[in-house]
Amino acid sequence: MDNQNIAIIGLKDLGTQFFKAMINLKKRGVKVLGVSEPAFTEGAKFAQDLGINNMTINEVVEMGDQIDIIFDLSGDTEIRKELRKTLFSSNNQHTVIAPESVARLMYTMINENPLPDNNAVKAGY
């Protein structure tokens, strides 16, 4: 299996649990190259402790094809719009954005416990 380099946007409760699960998959080829969370949450501190950069959305997108998948777990429609717009403007034809529903599916396949609710407006993709 090829390695999958990922970034995670949003490290509140949901994002933090997903982030921790992805860190545990390093031996299976999943590598978290960056995160984006402006608040100093448990997940942001965990990333800092691991030496993983906490970046702006622009900085994540500027990583270009080093990132295979960006998981948007912010639960914020404005952040989602900004992420899509920024990625489109970068002409990056490699990186894809995975919404919360994909993260939830992945998480249920590797963990018996469900991810916490995001308590945000359900905005779809």
N, C-alpha and C. Protein backbone atom coordinates (compact mmCIF):
# COMPACT_ATOMS: atom_id res chain seq x y z
N MET A 1 0.83 -1.18 0.00
CA MET A 1 0.00 0.00 0.00
C MET A 1 0.88 1.24 0.00
N ASP A 2 0.51 2.21 -0.81
CA ASP A 2 1.20 3.49 -0.80
C ASP A 2 0.89 4.23 0.49
N ASN A 3 1.83 5.04 0.91
CA ASN A 3 1.58 5.90 2.06
C ASN A 3 0.56 6.96 1.69
N GLN A 4 -0.24 7.38 2.65
CA GLN A 4 -1.20 8.45 2.47
C GLN A 4 -0.82 9.57 3.42
N ASN A 5 -0.46 10.71 2.85
CA ASN A 5 -0.12 11.88 3.65
C ASN A 5 -1.36 12.74 3.78
N ILE A 6 -1.73 13.03 5.03
CA ILE A 6 -2.97 13.75 5.26
C ILE A 6 -2.74 14.99 6.11
N ALA A 7 -3.74 15.88 6.04
CA ALA A 7 -3.83 17.04 6.92
C ALA A 7 -5.25 17.05 7.46
N ILE A 8 -5.41 17.59 8.65
CA ILE A 8 -6.73 17.64 9.29
C ILE A 8 -7.04 19.08 9.66
N ILE A 9 -8.19 19.56 9.18
CA ILE A 9 -8.67 20.89 9.50
C ILE A 9 -9.73 20.75 10.59
N GLY A 10 -9.50 21.38 11.73
CA GLY A 10 -10.46 21.33 12.83
C GLY A 10 -10.10 20.27 13.85
N LEU A 11 -9.63 20.71 15.01
CA LEU A 11 -9.23 19.77 16.07
C LEU A 11 -10.00 20.03 17.36
N LYS A 12 -11.30 20.15 17.22
CA LYS A 12 -12.11 20.19 18.45
C LYS A 12 -12.36 18.73 18.84
N ASP A 13 -13.45 18.39 19.48
CA ASP A 13 -13.66 17.02 19.96
C ASP A 13 -13.58 15.99 18.84
N LEU A 14 -14.37 16.18 17.80
CA LEU A 14 -14.41 15.24 16.68
C LEU A 14 -13.05 15.14 16.00
N GLY A 15 -12.47 16.28 15.66
CA GLY A 15 -11.19 16.28 14.97
C GLY A 15 -10.07 15.69 15.79
N THR A 16 -10.09 15.94 17.09
CA THR A 16 -9.05 15.39 17.97
C THR A 16 -9.11 13.88 18.01
N GLN A 17 -10.31 13.32 18.15
CA GLN A 17 -10.44 11.85 18.18
C GLN A 17 -10.00 11.24 16.86
N PHE A 18 -10.39 11.86 15.75
CA PHE A 18 -9.99 11.36 14.44
C PHE A 18 -8.47 11.46 14.28
N PHE A 19 -7.90 12.58 14.68
CA PHE A 19 -6.46 12.80 14.61
C PHE A 19 -5.70 11.71 15.37
N LYS A 20 -6.14 11.43 16.59
CA LYS A 20 -5.48 10.39 17.38
C LYS A 20 -5.56 9.02 16.70
N ALA A 21 -6.70 8.74 16.09
CA ALA A 21 -6.85 7.46 15.37
C ALA A 21 -5.91 7.40 14.17
N MET A 22 -5.75 8.51 13.46
CA MET A 22 -4.87 8.53 12.29
C MET A 22 -3.41 8.39 12.70
N ILE A 23 -3.03 9.00 13.81
CA ILE A 23 -1.65 8.86 14.32
C ILE A 23 -1.34 7.39 14.58
N ASN A 24 -2.33 6.66 15.09
CA ASN A 24 -2.14 5.24 15.38
C ASN A 24 -2.01 4.38 14.13
N LEU A 25 -2.28 4.95 12.96
CA LEU A 25 -2.19 4.20 11.70
C LEU A 25 -0.88 4.45 10.97
N LYS A 26 0.06 5.10 11.62
CA LYS A 26 1.33 5.42 10.97
C LYS A 26 2.02 4.18 10.40
N LYS A 27 2.01 3.08 11.16
CA LYS A 27 2.65 1.85 10.69
C LYS A 27 1.94 1.25 9.48
N ARG A 28 0.70 1.68 9.25
CA ARG A 28 -0.06 1.19 8.11
C ARG A 28 -0.02 2.16 6.94
N GLY A 29 0.83 3.17 7.03
CA GLY A 29 1.05 4.06 5.90
C GLY A 29 0.32 5.39 5.93
N VAL A 30 -0.31 5.72 7.04
CA VAL A 30 -0.99 7.01 7.16
C VAL A 30 -0.09 7.95 7.94
N LYS A 31 0.21 9.09 7.33
CA LYS A 31 1.08 10.06 7.99
C LYS A 31 0.38 11.42 8.02
N VAL A 32 0.23 11.96 9.22
CA VAL A 32 -0.36 13.29 9.38
C VAL A 32 0.77 14.31 9.24
N LEU A 33 0.72 15.09 8.15
CA LEU A 33 1.78 16.07 7.90
C LEU A 33 1.46 17.44 8.47
N GLY A 34 0.19 17.71 8.74
CA GLY A 34 -0.16 19.01 9.28
C GLY A 34 -1.59 19.04 9.76
N VAL A 35 -1.86 20.01 10.61
CA VAL A 35 -3.21 20.25 11.12
C VAL A 35 -3.47 21.75 11.07
N SER A 36 -4.75 22.10 11.18
CA SER A 36 -5.12 23.51 11.24
C SER A 36 -6.22 23.68 12.28
N GLU A 37 -5.87 24.34 13.37
CA GLU A 37 -6.83 24.62 14.45
C GLU A 37 -6.37 25.89 15.16
N PRO A 38 -7.13 27.00 14.99
CA PRO A 38 -6.71 28.25 15.61
C PRO A 38 -6.81 28.27 17.13
N ALA A 39 -7.72 27.49 17.71
CA ALA A 39 -7.86 27.46 19.17
C ALA A 39 -6.85 26.48 19.76
N PHE A 40 -6.47 26.71 21.01
CA PHE A 40 -5.53 25.79 21.66
C PHE A 40 -6.33 24.67 22.32
N THR A 41 -6.73 23.71 21.51
CA THR A 41 -7.53 22.57 21.96
C THR A 41 -6.61 21.43 22.38
N GLU A 42 -7.22 20.39 22.92
CA GLU A 42 -6.46 19.18 23.26
C GLU A 42 -5.74 18.65 22.01
N GLY A 43 -6.43 18.67 20.88
CA GLY A 43 -5.83 18.18 19.63
C GLY A 43 -4.67 19.04 19.17
N ALA A 44 -4.80 20.36 19.31
CA ALA A 44 -3.72 21.26 18.92
C ALA A 44 -2.49 21.02 19.81
N LYS A 45 -2.72 20.80 21.09
CA LYS A 45 -1.61 20.51 22.00
C LYS A 45 -0.97 19.17 21.66
N PHE A 46 -1.79 18.18 21.35
CA PHE A 46 -1.29 16.86 20.97
C PHE A 46 -0.41 16.97 19.72
N ALA A 47 -0.87 17.73 18.74
CA ALA A 47 -0.07 17.94 17.52
C ALA A 47 1.26 18.60 17.86
N GLN A 48 1.20 19.62 18.70
CA GLN A 48 2.42 20.32 19.12
C GLN A 48 3.38 19.35 19.81
N ASP A 49 2.85 18.52 20.69
CA ASP A 49 3.68 17.55 21.41
C ASP A 49 4.35 16.55 20.46
N LEU A 50 3.67 16.25 19.36
CA LEU A 50 4.21 15.31 18.37
C LEU A 50 5.11 15.99 17.34
N GLY A 51 5.20 17.32 17.39
CA GLY A 51 6.01 18.04 16.42
C GLY A 51 5.33 18.21 15.07
N ILE A 52 4.01 18.10 15.05
CA ILE A 52 3.24 18.28 13.81
C ILE A 52 2.80 19.73 13.74
N ASN A 53 3.08 20.37 12.62
CA ASN A 53 2.78 21.79 12.46
C ASN A 53 1.29 22.08 12.48
N ASN A 54 0.91 23.11 13.24
CA ASN A 54 -0.44 23.64 13.23
C ASN A 54 -0.40 24.87 12.34
N MET A 55 -1.04 24.76 11.19
CA MET A 55 -0.91 25.76 10.14
C MET A 55 -2.24 26.45 9.84
N THR A 56 -2.17 27.49 9.05
CA THR A 56 -3.38 28.08 8.51
C THR A 56 -3.86 27.20 7.35
N ILE A 57 -5.08 27.43 6.92
CA ILE A 57 -5.58 26.69 5.75
C ILE A 57 -4.70 26.97 4.55
N ASN A 58 -4.29 28.22 4.36
CA ASN A 58 -3.42 28.55 3.22
C ASN A 58 -2.12 27.77 3.28
N GLU A 59 -1.54 27.65 4.46
CA GLU A 59 -0.28 26.90 4.59
C GLU A 59 -0.47 25.42 4.29
N VAL A 60 -1.61 24.87 4.70
CA VAL A 60 -1.90 23.47 4.37
C VAL A 60 -1.97 23.30 2.86
N VAL A 61 -2.72 24.16 2.21
CA VAL A 61 -2.88 24.08 0.75
C VAL A 61 -1.55 24.30 0.04
N GLU A 62 -0.71 25.19 0.56
CA GLU A 62 0.60 25.46 -0.05
C GLU A 62 1.52 24.24 -0.03
N MET A 63 1.20 23.25 0.78
CA MET A 63 2.01 22.02 0.78
C MET A 63 1.82 21.24 -0.52
N GLY A 64 0.83 21.64 -1.30
CA GLY A 64 0.64 21.06 -2.62
C GLY A 64 0.46 19.56 -2.61
N ASP A 65 1.13 18.91 -3.56
CA ASP A 65 0.93 17.47 -3.70
C ASP A 65 1.66 16.63 -2.65
N GLN A 66 2.26 17.30 -1.66
CA GLN A 66 2.78 16.55 -0.50
C GLN A 66 1.62 15.97 0.32
N ILE A 67 0.45 16.62 0.22
CA ILE A 67 -0.75 16.18 0.94
C ILE A 67 -1.65 15.45 -0.04
N ASP A 68 -2.03 14.22 0.31
CA ASP A 68 -2.96 13.46 -0.53
C ASP A 68 -4.40 13.80 -0.19
N ILE A 69 -4.71 13.89 1.09
CA ILE A 69 -6.09 14.11 1.54
C ILE A 69 -6.11 15.15 2.65
N ILE A 70 -7.01 16.12 2.52
CA ILE A 70 -7.27 17.07 3.60
C ILE A 70 -8.64 16.71 4.18
N PHE A 71 -8.67 16.38 5.45
CA PHE A 71 -9.93 16.08 6.13
C PHE A 71 -10.46 17.36 6.75
N ASP A 72 -11.66 17.78 6.32
CA ASP A 72 -12.29 18.97 6.89
C ASP A 72 -13.23 18.53 8.00
N LEU A 73 -12.79 18.71 9.23
CA LEU A 73 -13.60 18.36 10.39
C LEU A 73 -13.94 19.59 11.21
N SER A 74 -13.90 20.74 10.55
CA SER A 74 -14.16 22.00 11.24
C SER A 74 -15.63 22.16 11.61
N GLY A 75 -16.52 21.59 10.81
CA GLY A 75 -17.95 21.79 11.04
C GLY A 75 -18.42 23.19 10.72
N ASP A 76 -17.60 23.95 10.02
CA ASP A 76 -17.89 25.35 9.73
C ASP A 76 -18.01 25.53 8.22
N THR A 77 -19.18 25.96 7.76
CA THR A 77 -19.39 26.10 6.32
C THR A 77 -18.48 27.16 5.71
N GLU A 78 -18.16 28.20 6.44
CA GLU A 78 -17.27 29.24 5.90
C GLU A 78 -15.85 28.70 5.73
N ILE A 79 -15.39 27.92 6.69
CA ILE A 79 -14.06 27.31 6.55
C ILE A 79 -14.05 26.34 5.38
N ARG A 80 -15.12 25.57 5.24
CA ARG A 80 -15.23 24.63 4.13
C ARG A 80 -15.15 25.36 2.79
N LYS A 81 -15.88 26.48 2.67
CA LYS A 81 -15.84 27.28 1.44
C LYS A 81 -14.44 27.82 1.19
N GLU A 82 -13.81 28.35 2.25
CA GLU A 82 -12.45 28.90 2.12
C GLU A 82 -11.48 27.82 1.67
N LEU A 83 -11.59 26.64 2.26
CA LEU A 83 -10.70 25.53 1.90
C LEU A 83 -10.87 25.16 0.43
N ARG A 84 -12.10 24.99 -0.01
CA ARG A 84 -12.35 24.63 -1.42
C ARG A 84 -11.81 25.70 -2.37
N LYS A 85 -12.12 26.96 -2.05
CA LYS A 85 -11.69 28.07 -2.90
C LYS A 85 -10.16 28.14 -2.97
N THR A 86 -9.51 28.02 -1.84
CA THR A 86 -8.05 28.10 -1.78
C THR A 86 -7.41 26.94 -2.54
N LEU A 87 -7.94 25.73 -2.36
CA LEU A 87 -7.39 24.57 -3.06
C LEU A 87 -7.60 24.71 -4.56
N PHE A 88 -8.78 25.16 -4.99
CA PHE A 88 -9.05 25.36 -6.41
C PHE A 88 -8.10 26.39 -7.01
N SER A 89 -7.89 27.49 -6.30
CA SER A 89 -7.01 28.57 -6.79
C SER A 89 -5.55 28.13 -6.89
N SER A 90 -5.18 27.10 -6.15
CA SER A 90 -3.79 26.65 -6.15
C SER A 90 -3.44 25.80 -7.37
N ASN A 91 -4.45 25.41 -8.14
CA ASN A 91 -4.26 24.53 -9.30
C ASN A 91 -3.69 23.17 -8.91
N ASN A 92 -3.89 22.77 -7.68
CA ASN A 92 -3.45 21.46 -7.20
C ASN A 92 -4.42 20.41 -7.72
N GLN A 93 -3.94 19.55 -8.58
CA GLN A 93 -4.77 18.50 -9.16
C GLN A 93 -4.61 17.17 -8.43
N HIS A 94 -3.88 17.17 -7.34
CA HIS A 94 -3.56 15.93 -6.62
C HIS A 94 -4.38 15.77 -5.33
N THR A 95 -4.40 16.79 -4.51
CA THR A 95 -5.00 16.71 -3.18
C THR A 95 -6.52 16.72 -3.26
N VAL A 96 -7.16 15.88 -2.45
CA VAL A 96 -8.62 15.87 -2.36
C VAL A 96 -9.04 16.29 -0.96
N ILE A 97 -10.25 16.83 -0.88
CA ILE A 97 -10.83 17.21 0.41
C ILE A 97 -11.84 16.14 0.80
N ALA A 98 -11.65 15.56 1.97
CA ALA A 98 -12.58 14.57 2.49
C ALA A 98 -13.46 15.23 3.55
N PRO A 99 -14.76 15.16 3.39
CA PRO A 99 -15.65 15.76 4.38
C PRO A 99 -15.80 14.88 5.62
N GLU A 100 -16.50 15.42 6.59
CA GLU A 100 -16.71 14.73 7.86
C GLU A 100 -17.32 13.34 7.68
N SER A 101 -18.23 13.17 6.73
CA SER A 101 -18.87 11.87 6.55
C SER A 101 -17.86 10.79 6.18
N VAL A 102 -16.85 11.12 5.41
CA VAL A 102 -15.81 10.16 5.05
C VAL A 102 -14.95 9.83 6.28
N ALA A 103 -14.64 10.84 7.07
CA ALA A 103 -13.87 10.61 8.30
C ALA A 103 -14.64 9.69 9.24
N ARG A 104 -15.94 9.91 9.36
CA ARG A 104 -16.76 9.06 10.23
C ARG A 104 -16.76 7.61 9.74
N LEU A 105 -16.88 7.41 8.45
CA LEU A 105 -16.85 6.06 7.88
C LEU A 105 -15.52 5.39 8.18
N MET A 106 -14.42 6.08 7.91
CA MET A 106 -13.10 5.52 8.18
C MET A 106 -12.94 5.16 9.65
N TYR A 107 -13.37 6.07 10.51
CA TYR A 107 -13.21 5.86 11.95
C TYR A 107 -13.97 4.62 12.42
N THR A 108 -15.18 4.43 11.91
CA THR A 108 -15.96 3.26 12.33
C THR A 108 -15.33 1.96 11.86
N MET A 109 -14.54 2.01 10.81
CA MET A 109 -13.89 0.80 10.31
C MET A 109 -12.67 0.42 11.15
N ILE A 110 -12.12 1.37 11.91
CA ILE A 110 -10.91 1.07 12.68
C ILE A 110 -11.12 1.17 14.19
N ASN A 111 -12.31 1.59 14.62
CA ASN A 111 -12.54 1.82 16.04
C ASN A 111 -13.96 1.40 16.40
N GLU A 112 -14.12 0.78 17.55
CA GLU A 112 -15.45 0.35 17.98
C GLU A 112 -16.31 1.49 18.50
N ASN A 113 -15.70 2.55 18.98
CA ASN A 113 -16.44 3.67 19.54
C ASN A 113 -16.76 4.69 18.45
N PRO A 114 -17.94 5.30 18.49
CA PRO A 114 -18.26 6.31 17.49
C PRO A 114 -17.53 7.62 17.76
N LEU A 115 -17.35 8.40 16.71
CA LEU A 115 -16.81 9.75 16.88
C LEU A 115 -17.86 10.62 17.57
N PRO A 116 -17.44 11.61 18.34
CA PRO A 116 -18.41 12.51 18.96
C PRO A 116 -19.11 13.36 17.91
N ASP A 117 -20.29 13.87 18.26
CA ASP A 117 -20.99 14.78 17.37
C ASP A 117 -20.20 16.07 17.24
N ASN A 118 -20.36 16.70 16.08
CA ASN A 118 -19.65 17.94 15.82
C ASN A 118 -20.41 19.14 16.36
N ASN A 119 -21.70 18.96 16.65
CA ASN A 119 -22.55 20.05 17.14
C ASN A 119 -22.52 21.27 16.23
N ALA A 120 -22.36 21.02 14.96
CA ALA A 120 -22.35 22.11 13.99
C ALA A 120 -23.49 21.88 13.00
N VAL A 121 -23.76 22.88 12.23
CA VAL A 121 -24.78 22.75 11.19
C VAL A 121 -24.32 21.70 10.20
N LYS A 122 -25.19 20.77 9.87
CA LYS A 122 -24.85 19.75 8.89
C LYS A 122 -24.90 20.39 7.51
N ALA A 123 -23.73 20.57 6.92
CA ALA A 123 -23.64 21.32 5.67
C ALA A 123 -23.32 20.44 4.48
N GLY A 124 -23.20 19.14 4.68
CA GLY A 124 -22.86 18.27 3.56
C GLY A 124 -21.47 18.55 3.06
N TYR A 125 -21.23 18.22 1.81
CA TYR A 125 -19.90 18.40 1.25
C TYR A 125 -19.72 19.85 0.91
